[in-house]
Amino acid sequence: MSTASIHAGWDAQDPHGSVVPPIYSTSAYAHSSHASLRALFARRSEGFAYSRSGNPTTQVLEARSTALEGGIGAIAVASGQAAMTIALCALLAPGTHVVASERIYGGTTELLGDTLEDMGVAATAVDPWDLQAWEAAIRPQTRVFLLESIANPGAQLADLPAIAAIAHAHDIAVVVDSTLASPALYRPGDHGADIVVHSATKYLAGHGTTIAGLIVDAGSFDPRRCPQRWERLTTENRRFATTFADDYARGCSGLLAYARAKYMTDFGATLPAASAHAVLVGIETLELRMERISAVTAQLAQHLHGQDGVASVQHPSIPGRPDAEIARRDFPRGTAGVFSIDLDGGEPAVEAFCDALELFTIAVNIGDVRSLVCHPASTTHSHLTPAQREACGVLEGTVRLSIGLEDEEDLRADLERALAAAQRVRAADPAAA
């Protein structure tokens, strides 16, 4: 993992021998002849024409991400939300259906229940720990199972091998958002996922500087096995005069080729070369950061468990969690740095808790080297219905924590200071407690 994080996708063979992949800051690329550019647009050759659909720096990031996930290809896009949108659009069509875990990021829930619904795609939310619910939710129109490897914000772990087995028995593609795990802790393709999505903004970039997204084809999806279900890929595309599924015969991802040619280009969801470079630099230290962050997070979660005013701690290390065995089996390196706590006293206690923090930063990002905190019910999940928030474990008193690389003792002292402030609010208003 560490070797691939540093070397995959780049061999220092550019004309100047640059050890680090350069930033190719250009919008277009010169060609030696008319025939050369024509062949590129006809998909008869490889190369670059215009940076909206590809860039040499971004290509290195795609190759490195492919290696880290053990896949057959990747495309880098403008954000994690763009990655999820493009991946689903490439797999779905009007009249199709998605079965999704209830425990997913609020923005993904909104995408399913609003934008994709407007496009004629239906969605059903299920408890990720209820395997019978996944099976029962399947319709003839179901094309995708969607879940997160580590759920945001409660760090729930799903039994991906069991869920994937159900999906594949019905020729359904499994899409996994693995933003919180990163390939340093978990490779969904090794456990049954077909497509892996990342908000590279988070742990991959790692330093809170860059917005980016990735879609990786894990190599198990092949639309040719059930061509009538994936007609957009298995029949000739009139716009591009090609059948994208044919790429799988060459060991390449036809799905990603289709997603790049159509949705990435039409949506203009281009990742700038400078952003790709920033993610590449972040990936170089990914494994080291994730090991440290995971260990400190587990210790802090266990410290908070049972503290006065903390109704519950949502982390796989807490006794009684249904996913404890999944953590032991599939996540031996840890479960990253994001988890949630539920405070007695509701939002007034949350406000006192957050405002008393001195080291944690109040912000809606996660996966930074800095420790971050937010109140999901009024921010990341605020546009969901109360029922949707409850289903994904977001209550009025829920606080999401993203642990960074600060000293553990300093973080613990900051949390204790904040808990004392929340306790004073509850003491002043006994009804809230």
Protein backbone atom coordinates (compact mmCIF):
# COMPACT_ATOMS: atom_id res chain seq x y z
CA MET A 1 0.00 0.00 0.00
CA SER A 2 2.69 2.53 0.96
CA THR A 3 4.77 1.71 -2.12
CA ALA A 4 1.81 2.11 -4.46
CA SER A 5 0.82 5.34 -2.71
CA ILE A 6 4.15 6.85 -3.71
CA HIS A 7 5.03 5.22 -7.03
CA ALA A 8 1.91 3.95 -8.85
CA GLY A 9 1.12 5.77 -12.07
CA TRP A 10 4.38 7.70 -12.37
CA ASP A 11 7.82 6.52 -13.49
CA ALA A 12 9.66 9.87 -13.75
CA GLN A 13 9.93 9.48 -17.51
CA ASP A 14 8.85 12.97 -18.51
CA PRO A 15 11.37 14.95 -20.63
CA HIS A 16 12.90 16.61 -17.56
CA GLY A 17 12.96 13.60 -15.24
CA SER A 18 10.68 15.14 -12.65
CA VAL A 19 10.48 12.87 -9.60
CA VAL A 20 7.07 14.29 -8.64
CA PRO A 21 4.27 14.29 -11.26
CA PRO A 22 4.16 17.80 -12.78
CA ILE A 23 1.08 19.99 -12.88
CA TYR A 24 0.06 20.19 -16.52
CA SER A 25 -1.64 23.57 -16.48
CA THR A 26 -3.09 23.60 -19.96
CA SER A 27 -6.56 23.59 -21.44
CA ALA A 28 -5.70 21.99 -24.81
CA TYR A 29 -3.02 19.77 -26.38
CA ALA A 30 -1.22 20.21 -29.71
CA HIS A 31 -1.30 17.37 -32.23
CA SER A 32 1.15 16.64 -35.00
CA SER A 33 -1.54 16.16 -37.63
CA HIS A 34 -5.20 16.41 -38.44
CA ALA A 35 -5.37 12.61 -38.51
CA SER A 36 -3.99 12.36 -34.99
CA LEU A 37 -6.71 14.54 -33.48
CA ARG A 38 -9.40 12.89 -35.56
CA ALA A 39 -8.37 9.41 -34.37
CA LEU A 40 -8.52 10.56 -30.78
CA PHE A 41 -12.10 11.78 -31.09
CA ALA A 42 -13.05 8.55 -32.89
CA ARG A 43 -11.65 6.54 -29.91
CA ARG A 44 -9.11 4.85 -32.20
CA SER A 45 -6.15 6.16 -30.19
CA GLU A 46 -5.24 7.26 -26.66
CA GLY A 47 -4.22 10.75 -25.66
CA PHE A 48 -5.43 14.18 -24.71
CA ALA A 49 -7.33 16.80 -26.66
CA TYR A 50 -8.96 19.09 -24.11
CA SER A 51 -8.59 19.07 -20.33
CA ARG A 52 -12.32 18.92 -19.69
CA SER A 53 -12.13 15.17 -20.37
CA GLY A 54 -8.58 14.36 -19.31
CA ASN A 55 -5.21 15.75 -18.23
CA PRO A 56 -1.79 14.08 -17.73
CA THR A 57 -1.64 15.03 -14.04
CA THR A 58 -5.15 13.76 -13.46
CA GLN A 59 -4.27 10.58 -15.33
CA VAL A 60 -1.53 9.82 -12.79
CA LEU A 61 -4.09 10.20 -9.98
CA GLU A 62 -6.44 7.83 -11.81
CA ALA A 63 -3.70 5.24 -12.27
CA ARG A 64 -2.61 5.50 -8.65
CA SER A 65 -6.18 5.18 -7.38
CA THR A 66 -6.72 2.15 -9.60
CA ALA A 67 -3.63 0.50 -8.11
CA LEU A 68 -4.62 1.30 -4.52
CA GLU A 69 -8.11 -0.17 -4.98
CA GLY A 70 -6.94 -3.12 -7.06
CA GLY A 71 -9.30 -2.13 -9.88
CA ILE A 72 -9.17 -1.92 -13.68
CA GLY A 73 -9.62 1.83 -14.06
CA ALA A 74 -10.61 5.11 -12.47
CA ILE A 75 -11.78 8.56 -13.41
CA ALA A 76 -11.13 11.66 -11.33
CA VAL A 77 -13.80 14.35 -11.17
CA ALA A 78 -14.49 17.69 -9.55
CA SER A 79 -15.87 16.49 -6.18
CA GLY A 80 -17.09 13.47 -4.26
CA GLN A 81 -20.67 14.50 -5.01
CA ALA A 82 -19.83 14.63 -8.72
CA ALA A 83 -18.29 11.17 -8.46
CA MET A 84 -21.42 9.70 -6.89
CA THR A 85 -23.70 11.48 -9.38
CA ILE A 86 -21.74 10.37 -12.43
CA ALA A 87 -21.37 6.79 -11.22
CA LEU A 88 -25.10 6.45 -10.65
CA CYS A 89 -26.05 8.20 -13.88
CA ALA A 90 -23.82 5.82 -15.84
CA LEU A 91 -25.56 2.79 -14.30
CA LEU A 92 -29.15 4.03 -14.15
CA ALA A 93 -31.83 5.09 -16.60
CA PRO A 94 -35.34 6.51 -16.23
CA GLY A 95 -37.59 3.85 -14.74
CA THR A 96 -34.82 2.04 -12.88
CA HIS A 97 -34.46 1.58 -9.13
CA VAL A 98 -31.78 1.82 -6.42
CA VAL A 99 -31.70 0.09 -3.03
CA ALA A 100 -29.64 2.24 -0.67
CA SER A 101 -28.49 1.98 2.90
CA GLU A 102 -30.23 4.31 5.32
CA ARG A 103 -26.82 5.10 6.82
CA ILE A 104 -25.37 7.33 4.16
CA TYR A 105 -24.22 10.90 3.79
CA GLY A 106 -27.03 13.45 3.72
CA GLY A 107 -25.99 14.79 0.31
CA THR A 108 -26.32 11.31 -1.19
CA THR A 109 -29.79 10.91 0.34
CA GLU A 110 -30.79 14.22 -1.23
CA LEU A 111 -29.34 13.17 -4.60
CA LEU A 112 -31.44 10.00 -4.55
CA GLY A 113 -34.64 11.58 -3.27
CA ASP A 114 -34.56 14.77 -5.31
CA THR A 115 -32.35 15.06 -8.39
CA LEU A 116 -32.37 11.42 -9.45
CA GLU A 117 -36.07 11.18 -8.65
CA ASP A 118 -36.59 14.10 -11.04
CA MET A 119 -34.78 11.99 -13.65
CA GLY A 120 -37.20 9.08 -13.17
CA VAL A 121 -35.07 6.93 -10.86
CA ALA A 122 -36.72 5.44 -7.77
CA ALA A 123 -34.93 4.61 -4.53
CA THR A 124 -35.67 2.50 -1.46
CA ALA A 125 -33.79 2.97 1.81
CA VAL A 126 -33.04 -0.06 3.99
CA ASP A 127 -31.32 -0.82 7.27
CA PRO A 128 -27.80 -1.86 6.18
CA TRP A 129 -27.63 -4.51 8.94
CA ASP A 130 -30.88 -6.21 7.81
CA LEU A 131 -29.94 -8.57 4.98
CA GLN A 132 -33.56 -9.63 4.50
CA ALA A 133 -34.48 -5.99 3.91
CA TRP A 134 -31.98 -5.75 1.04
CA GLU A 135 -33.48 -8.84 -0.57
CA ALA A 136 -37.07 -7.74 -0.02
CA ALA A 137 -36.47 -4.31 -1.56
CA ILE A 138 -35.40 -5.71 -4.94
CA ARG A 139 -37.68 -4.97 -7.88
CA PRO A 140 -37.38 -6.04 -11.54
CA GLN A 141 -36.14 -2.50 -12.21
CA THR A 142 -33.41 -2.58 -9.53
CA ARG A 143 -29.98 -1.91 -11.01
CA VAL A 144 -27.86 -0.72 -8.06
CA PHE A 145 -27.23 -1.48 -4.40
CA LEU A 146 -25.64 1.58 -2.76
CA LEU A 147 -23.92 1.73 0.62
CA GLU A 148 -20.93 3.19 2.45
CA SER A 149 -18.02 1.09 3.68
CA ILE A 150 -17.99 3.17 6.89
CA ALA A 151 -21.18 5.15 7.32
CA ASN A 152 -21.26 8.89 7.88
CA PRO A 153 -21.69 10.02 10.64
CA GLY A 154 -22.16 6.98 12.90
CA ALA A 155 -19.32 4.78 11.56
CA GLN A 156 -21.62 1.80 11.01
CA LEU A 157 -20.05 -1.09 9.07
CA ALA A 158 -22.11 -3.15 6.66
CA ASP A 159 -21.58 -6.83 5.81
CA LEU A 160 -20.53 -6.06 2.25
CA PRO A 161 -19.78 -9.66 1.18
CA ALA A 162 -23.28 -10.76 2.20
CA ILE A 163 -24.96 -7.73 0.60
CA ALA A 164 -22.95 -8.15 -2.60
CA ALA A 165 -23.91 -11.82 -2.81
CA ILE A 166 -27.59 -10.86 -2.73
CA ALA A 167 -27.06 -8.19 -5.39
CA HIS A 168 -25.04 -10.36 -7.75
CA ALA A 169 -27.60 -13.15 -7.59
CA HIS A 170 -29.98 -10.69 -9.25
CA ASP A 171 -27.42 -9.09 -11.64
CA ILE A 172 -27.41 -5.88 -9.60
CA ALA A 173 -24.31 -3.67 -9.46
CA VAL A 174 -22.89 -2.81 -6.03
CA VAL A 175 -21.66 0.77 -5.57
CA VAL A 176 -19.74 1.54 -2.38
CA ASP A 177 -18.80 4.99 -1.15
CA SER A 178 -15.51 4.25 0.62
CA THR A 179 -14.58 7.82 1.48
CA LEU A 180 -14.25 7.22 5.22
CA ALA A 181 -12.26 4.00 4.93
CA SER A 182 -9.88 4.91 2.10
CA PRO A 183 -7.97 2.05 0.46
CA ALA A 184 -5.48 2.18 3.34
CA LEU A 185 -8.06 0.56 5.63
CA TYR A 186 -10.43 -1.30 3.30
CA ARG A 187 -10.75 -2.17 -0.38
CA PRO A 188 -14.43 -2.72 -1.20
CA GLY A 189 -13.58 -4.56 -4.41
CA ASP A 190 -11.99 -7.32 -2.33
CA HIS A 191 -15.33 -7.78 -0.54
CA GLY A 192 -17.74 -7.76 -3.46
CA ALA A 193 -18.15 -4.15 -4.59
CA ASP A 194 -18.28 -3.44 -8.33
CA ILE A 195 -17.79 0.32 -8.27
CA VAL A 196 -15.97 2.31 -5.57
CA VAL A 197 -16.56 6.02 -5.09
CA HIS A 198 -14.42 8.43 -3.07
CA SER A 199 -14.66 12.00 -2.01
CA ALA A 200 -10.92 12.48 -2.43
CA THR A 201 -11.42 15.77 -0.61
CA LYS A 202 -11.26 13.80 2.62
CA TYR A 203 -8.57 11.28 3.62
CA LEU A 204 -6.96 10.88 0.20
CA ALA A 205 -6.04 14.56 -0.04
CA GLY A 206 -5.94 14.71 3.73
CA HIS A 207 -5.14 18.33 4.43
CA GLY A 208 -8.38 20.22 3.88
CA THR A 209 -7.07 22.03 0.80
CA THR A 210 -8.75 20.40 -2.18
CA ILE A 211 -12.13 19.32 -3.54
CA ALA A 212 -11.97 16.15 -5.66
CA GLY A 213 -13.76 12.89 -6.40
CA LEU A 214 -12.90 9.46 -7.79
CA ILE A 215 -14.79 6.57 -9.39
CA VAL A 216 -12.97 3.23 -9.53
CA ASP A 217 -14.11 0.16 -11.44
CA ALA A 218 -13.16 -2.77 -9.18
CA GLY A 219 -13.19 -5.16 -12.13
CA SER A 220 -16.10 -7.44 -11.25
CA PHE A 221 -18.83 -5.62 -13.19
CA ASP A 222 -19.29 -6.82 -16.77
CA PRO A 223 -22.50 -5.74 -18.53
CA ARG A 224 -22.01 -8.41 -21.19
CA ARG A 225 -23.17 -11.06 -18.69
CA CYS A 226 -26.68 -9.59 -18.76
CA PRO A 227 -26.77 -7.31 -21.81
CA GLN A 228 -30.51 -6.57 -21.72
CA ARG A 229 -30.11 -4.93 -18.28
CA TRP A 230 -27.33 -2.60 -19.46
CA GLU A 231 -28.40 -1.61 -22.95
CA ARG A 232 -26.61 1.74 -22.83
CA LEU A 233 -23.34 -0.12 -22.54
CA THR A 234 -24.00 -3.25 -24.61
CA THR A 235 -25.52 -1.65 -27.72
CA GLU A 236 -23.88 0.79 -30.07
CA ASN A 237 -24.04 4.35 -28.81
CA ARG A 238 -25.29 6.53 -31.65
CA ARG A 239 -23.51 9.64 -30.37
CA PHE A 240 -20.08 8.03 -30.06
CA ALA A 241 -20.53 5.26 -32.66
CA THR A 242 -19.10 2.68 -30.29
CA THR A 243 -20.24 -0.08 -27.95
CA PHE A 244 -18.65 0.74 -24.61
CA ALA A 245 -18.98 -2.80 -23.23
CA ASP A 246 -16.46 -3.93 -25.84
CA ASP A 247 -13.77 -2.27 -23.73
CA TYR A 248 -14.06 -5.10 -21.20
CA ALA A 249 -12.63 -7.53 -23.77
CA ARG A 250 -9.42 -5.47 -23.60
CA GLY A 251 -9.37 -5.47 -19.79
CA CYS A 252 -10.57 -1.86 -19.64
CA SER A 253 -13.65 -0.38 -18.03
CA GLY A 254 -16.38 0.32 -20.54
CA LEU A 255 -18.49 1.81 -17.77
CA LEU A 256 -15.85 4.41 -16.97
CA ALA A 257 -15.26 5.12 -20.64
CA TYR A 258 -18.97 5.79 -20.99
CA ALA A 259 -19.06 7.88 -17.82
CA ARG A 260 -16.11 9.98 -18.98
CA ALA A 261 -17.31 10.48 -22.55
CA LYS A 262 -20.89 11.32 -21.64
CA TYR A 263 -21.42 12.50 -18.08
CA MET A 264 -18.06 13.87 -17.04
CA THR A 265 -17.85 15.82 -20.29
CA ASP A 266 -21.48 16.94 -20.45
CA PHE A 267 -21.63 17.94 -16.77
CA GLY A 268 -18.25 19.65 -17.02
CA ALA A 269 -17.22 17.99 -13.75
CA THR A 270 -13.54 18.43 -14.50
CA LEU A 271 -10.86 18.05 -11.83
CA PRO A 272 -8.19 20.75 -12.27
CA ALA A 273 -4.63 19.54 -12.65
CA ALA A 274 -3.52 21.45 -9.54
CA SER A 275 -6.22 19.68 -7.49
CA ALA A 276 -5.16 16.28 -8.83
CA HIS A 277 -1.58 17.11 -7.84
CA ALA A 278 -2.67 18.03 -4.30
CA VAL A 279 -4.48 14.71 -3.93
CA LEU A 280 -1.42 12.83 -5.20
CA VAL A 281 0.75 14.51 -2.57
CA GLY A 282 -1.79 13.64 0.12
CA ILE A 283 -1.94 9.99 -0.92
CA GLU A 284 1.80 9.63 -0.37
CA THR A 285 1.25 9.69 3.42
CA LEU A 286 -2.21 8.06 3.43
CA GLU A 287 -1.33 4.80 5.17
CA LEU A 288 0.64 6.50 7.94
CA ARG A 289 -2.11 9.03 8.61
CA MET A 290 -4.88 6.46 8.64
CA GLU A 291 -3.06 4.17 11.06
CA ARG A 292 -2.50 6.99 13.57
CA ILE A 293 -5.96 8.55 13.16
CA SER A 294 -7.76 5.20 13.54
CA ALA A 295 -5.90 4.31 16.73
CA VAL A 296 -6.45 7.68 18.41
CA THR A 297 -10.11 7.76 17.37
CA ALA A 298 -10.84 4.38 18.93
CA GLN A 299 -9.21 5.52 22.18
CA LEU A 300 -11.20 8.76 22.27
CA ALA A 301 -14.47 6.96 21.47
CA GLN A 302 -13.90 4.55 24.34
CA HIS A 303 -13.03 7.45 26.65
CA LEU A 304 -16.29 9.24 25.81
CA HIS A 305 -18.37 6.10 26.27
CA GLY A 306 -20.19 6.34 29.59
CA GLN A 307 -19.20 9.96 30.28
CA ASP A 308 -21.80 12.07 32.07
CA GLY A 309 -24.08 13.71 29.54
CA VAL A 310 -23.13 11.38 26.67
CA ALA A 311 -26.18 9.29 25.87
CA SER A 312 -24.32 7.11 23.35
CA VAL A 313 -21.15 6.86 21.30
CA GLN A 314 -21.44 5.57 17.72
CA HIS A 315 -18.18 3.77 16.98
CA PRO A 316 -17.50 0.09 16.15
CA SER A 317 -15.31 -0.34 19.24
CA ILE A 318 -18.16 0.38 21.65
CA PRO A 319 -19.58 -2.76 23.39
CA GLY A 320 -22.84 -4.02 21.98
CA ARG A 321 -22.39 -2.75 18.43
CA PRO A 322 -23.93 -5.17 15.88
CA ASP A 323 -20.97 -4.59 13.55
CA ALA A 324 -18.22 -5.47 16.04
CA GLU A 325 -17.54 -8.78 14.29
CA ILE A 326 -17.40 -7.04 10.89
CA ALA A 327 -14.82 -4.66 12.32
CA ARG A 328 -12.68 -7.56 13.52
CA ARG A 329 -13.05 -9.50 10.27
CA ASP A 330 -12.81 -6.79 7.61
CA PHE A 331 -11.17 -3.78 9.26
CA PRO A 332 -8.06 -5.04 11.08
CA ARG A 333 -6.30 -1.71 10.50
CA GLY A 334 -9.05 0.37 12.10
CA THR A 335 -12.15 2.28 11.07
CA ALA A 336 -10.80 5.80 10.40
CA GLY A 337 -11.47 8.99 12.32
CA VAL A 338 -15.16 9.82 11.98
CA PHE A 339 -17.72 8.90 14.60
CA SER A 340 -20.63 10.51 16.41
CA ILE A 341 -21.81 11.04 19.96
CA ASP A 342 -25.34 11.73 21.17
CA LEU A 343 -25.51 14.36 23.91
CA ASP A 344 -28.24 14.66 26.50
CA GLY A 345 -29.92 18.04 26.29
CA GLY A 346 -30.45 18.29 22.54
CA GLU A 347 -29.22 21.18 20.41
CA PRO A 348 -28.67 23.61 23.34
CA ALA A 349 -26.15 21.14 24.79
CA VAL A 350 -24.62 20.64 21.36
CA GLU A 351 -24.20 24.38 20.90
CA ALA A 352 -22.48 24.74 24.28
CA PHE A 353 -20.29 21.71 23.52
CA CYS A 354 -19.15 22.98 20.11
CA ASP A 355 -18.59 26.57 21.23
CA ALA A 356 -16.45 25.46 24.17
CA LEU A 357 -14.02 23.53 21.97
CA GLU A 358 -10.69 25.25 21.44
CA LEU A 359 -8.72 22.70 19.44
CA PHE A 360 -11.49 21.18 17.34
CA THR A 361 -12.63 23.37 14.44
CA ILE A 362 -16.36 23.79 13.79
CA ALA A 363 -16.60 22.84 10.11
CA VAL A 364 -18.53 20.42 7.88
CA ASN A 365 -15.53 18.72 6.32
CA ILE A 366 -14.05 15.41 7.51
CA GLY A 367 -10.78 13.59 6.90
CA ASP A 368 -8.54 16.59 7.60
CA VAL A 369 -5.30 16.50 9.60
CA ARG A 370 -7.17 18.94 11.86
CA SER A 371 -9.88 17.66 14.17
CA LEU A 372 -13.32 18.90 13.14
CA VAL A 373 -16.79 18.96 14.68
CA CYS A 374 -20.30 19.72 13.46
CA HIS A 375 -23.98 19.21 14.30
CA PRO A 376 -25.37 17.10 11.42
CA ALA A 377 -29.06 17.82 12.15
CA SER A 378 -28.58 21.52 11.42
CA THR A 379 -25.90 21.21 8.72
CA THR A 380 -25.05 18.16 6.59
CA HIS A 381 -28.41 16.43 7.18
CA SER A 382 -30.58 19.52 7.69
CA HIS A 383 -32.53 19.14 4.44
CA LEU A 384 -33.67 15.60 5.23
CA THR A 385 -37.01 14.82 6.80
CA PRO A 386 -37.06 14.01 10.54
CA ALA A 387 -37.74 10.37 9.65
CA GLN A 388 -34.76 10.26 7.29
CA ARG A 389 -32.49 11.80 9.90
CA GLU A 390 -33.62 9.34 12.52
CA ALA A 391 -33.09 6.42 10.14
CA CYS A 392 -29.48 7.42 9.53
CA GLY A 393 -28.82 7.96 13.23
CA VAL A 394 -28.87 11.76 13.29
CA LEU A 395 -30.73 13.08 16.33
CA GLU A 396 -31.08 16.57 17.77
CA GLY A 397 -28.21 15.87 20.14
CA THR A 398 -25.89 14.16 17.64
CA VAL A 399 -22.40 15.60 17.22
CA ARG A 400 -20.09 14.39 14.45
CA LEU A 401 -16.39 14.28 15.26
CA SER A 402 -13.56 13.92 12.74
CA ILE A 403 -10.30 13.21 14.50
CA GLY A 404 -7.08 14.61 13.08
CA LEU A 405 -3.41 14.28 13.91
CA GLU A 406 -3.19 16.42 17.02
CA ASP A 407 -1.88 14.97 20.26
CA GLU A 408 -4.39 12.61 21.86
CA GLU A 409 -4.08 14.16 25.32
CA ASP A 410 -4.80 17.61 23.91
CA LEU A 411 -7.88 16.33 22.07
CA ARG A 412 -9.12 14.53 25.18
CA ALA A 413 -8.73 17.68 27.28
CA ASP A 414 -10.64 19.70 24.67
CA LEU A 415 -13.51 17.20 24.65
CA GLU A 416 -13.70 17.18 28.43
CA ARG A 417 -13.85 20.99 28.43
CA ALA A 418 -16.73 20.84 25.96
CA LEU A 419 -18.61 18.17 27.93
CA ALA A 420 -18.36 20.34 31.03
CA ALA A 421 -19.88 23.26 29.12
CA ALA A 422 -22.75 21.05 27.91
CA GLN A 423 -23.27 19.87 31.48
CA ARG A 424 -23.65 23.46 32.69
CA VAL A 425 -26.38 24.04 30.08
CA ARG A 426 -28.25 20.94 31.23
CA ALA A 427 -27.90 21.97 34.90
CA ALA A 428 -29.37 25.38 34.10
CA ASP A 429 -32.34 23.75 32.34
CA PRO A 430 -33.25 20.44 34.03
CA ALA A 431 -36.06 19.89 31.53
CA ALA A 432 -33.50 19.65 28.70
CA ALA A 433 -31.59 16.90 30.50
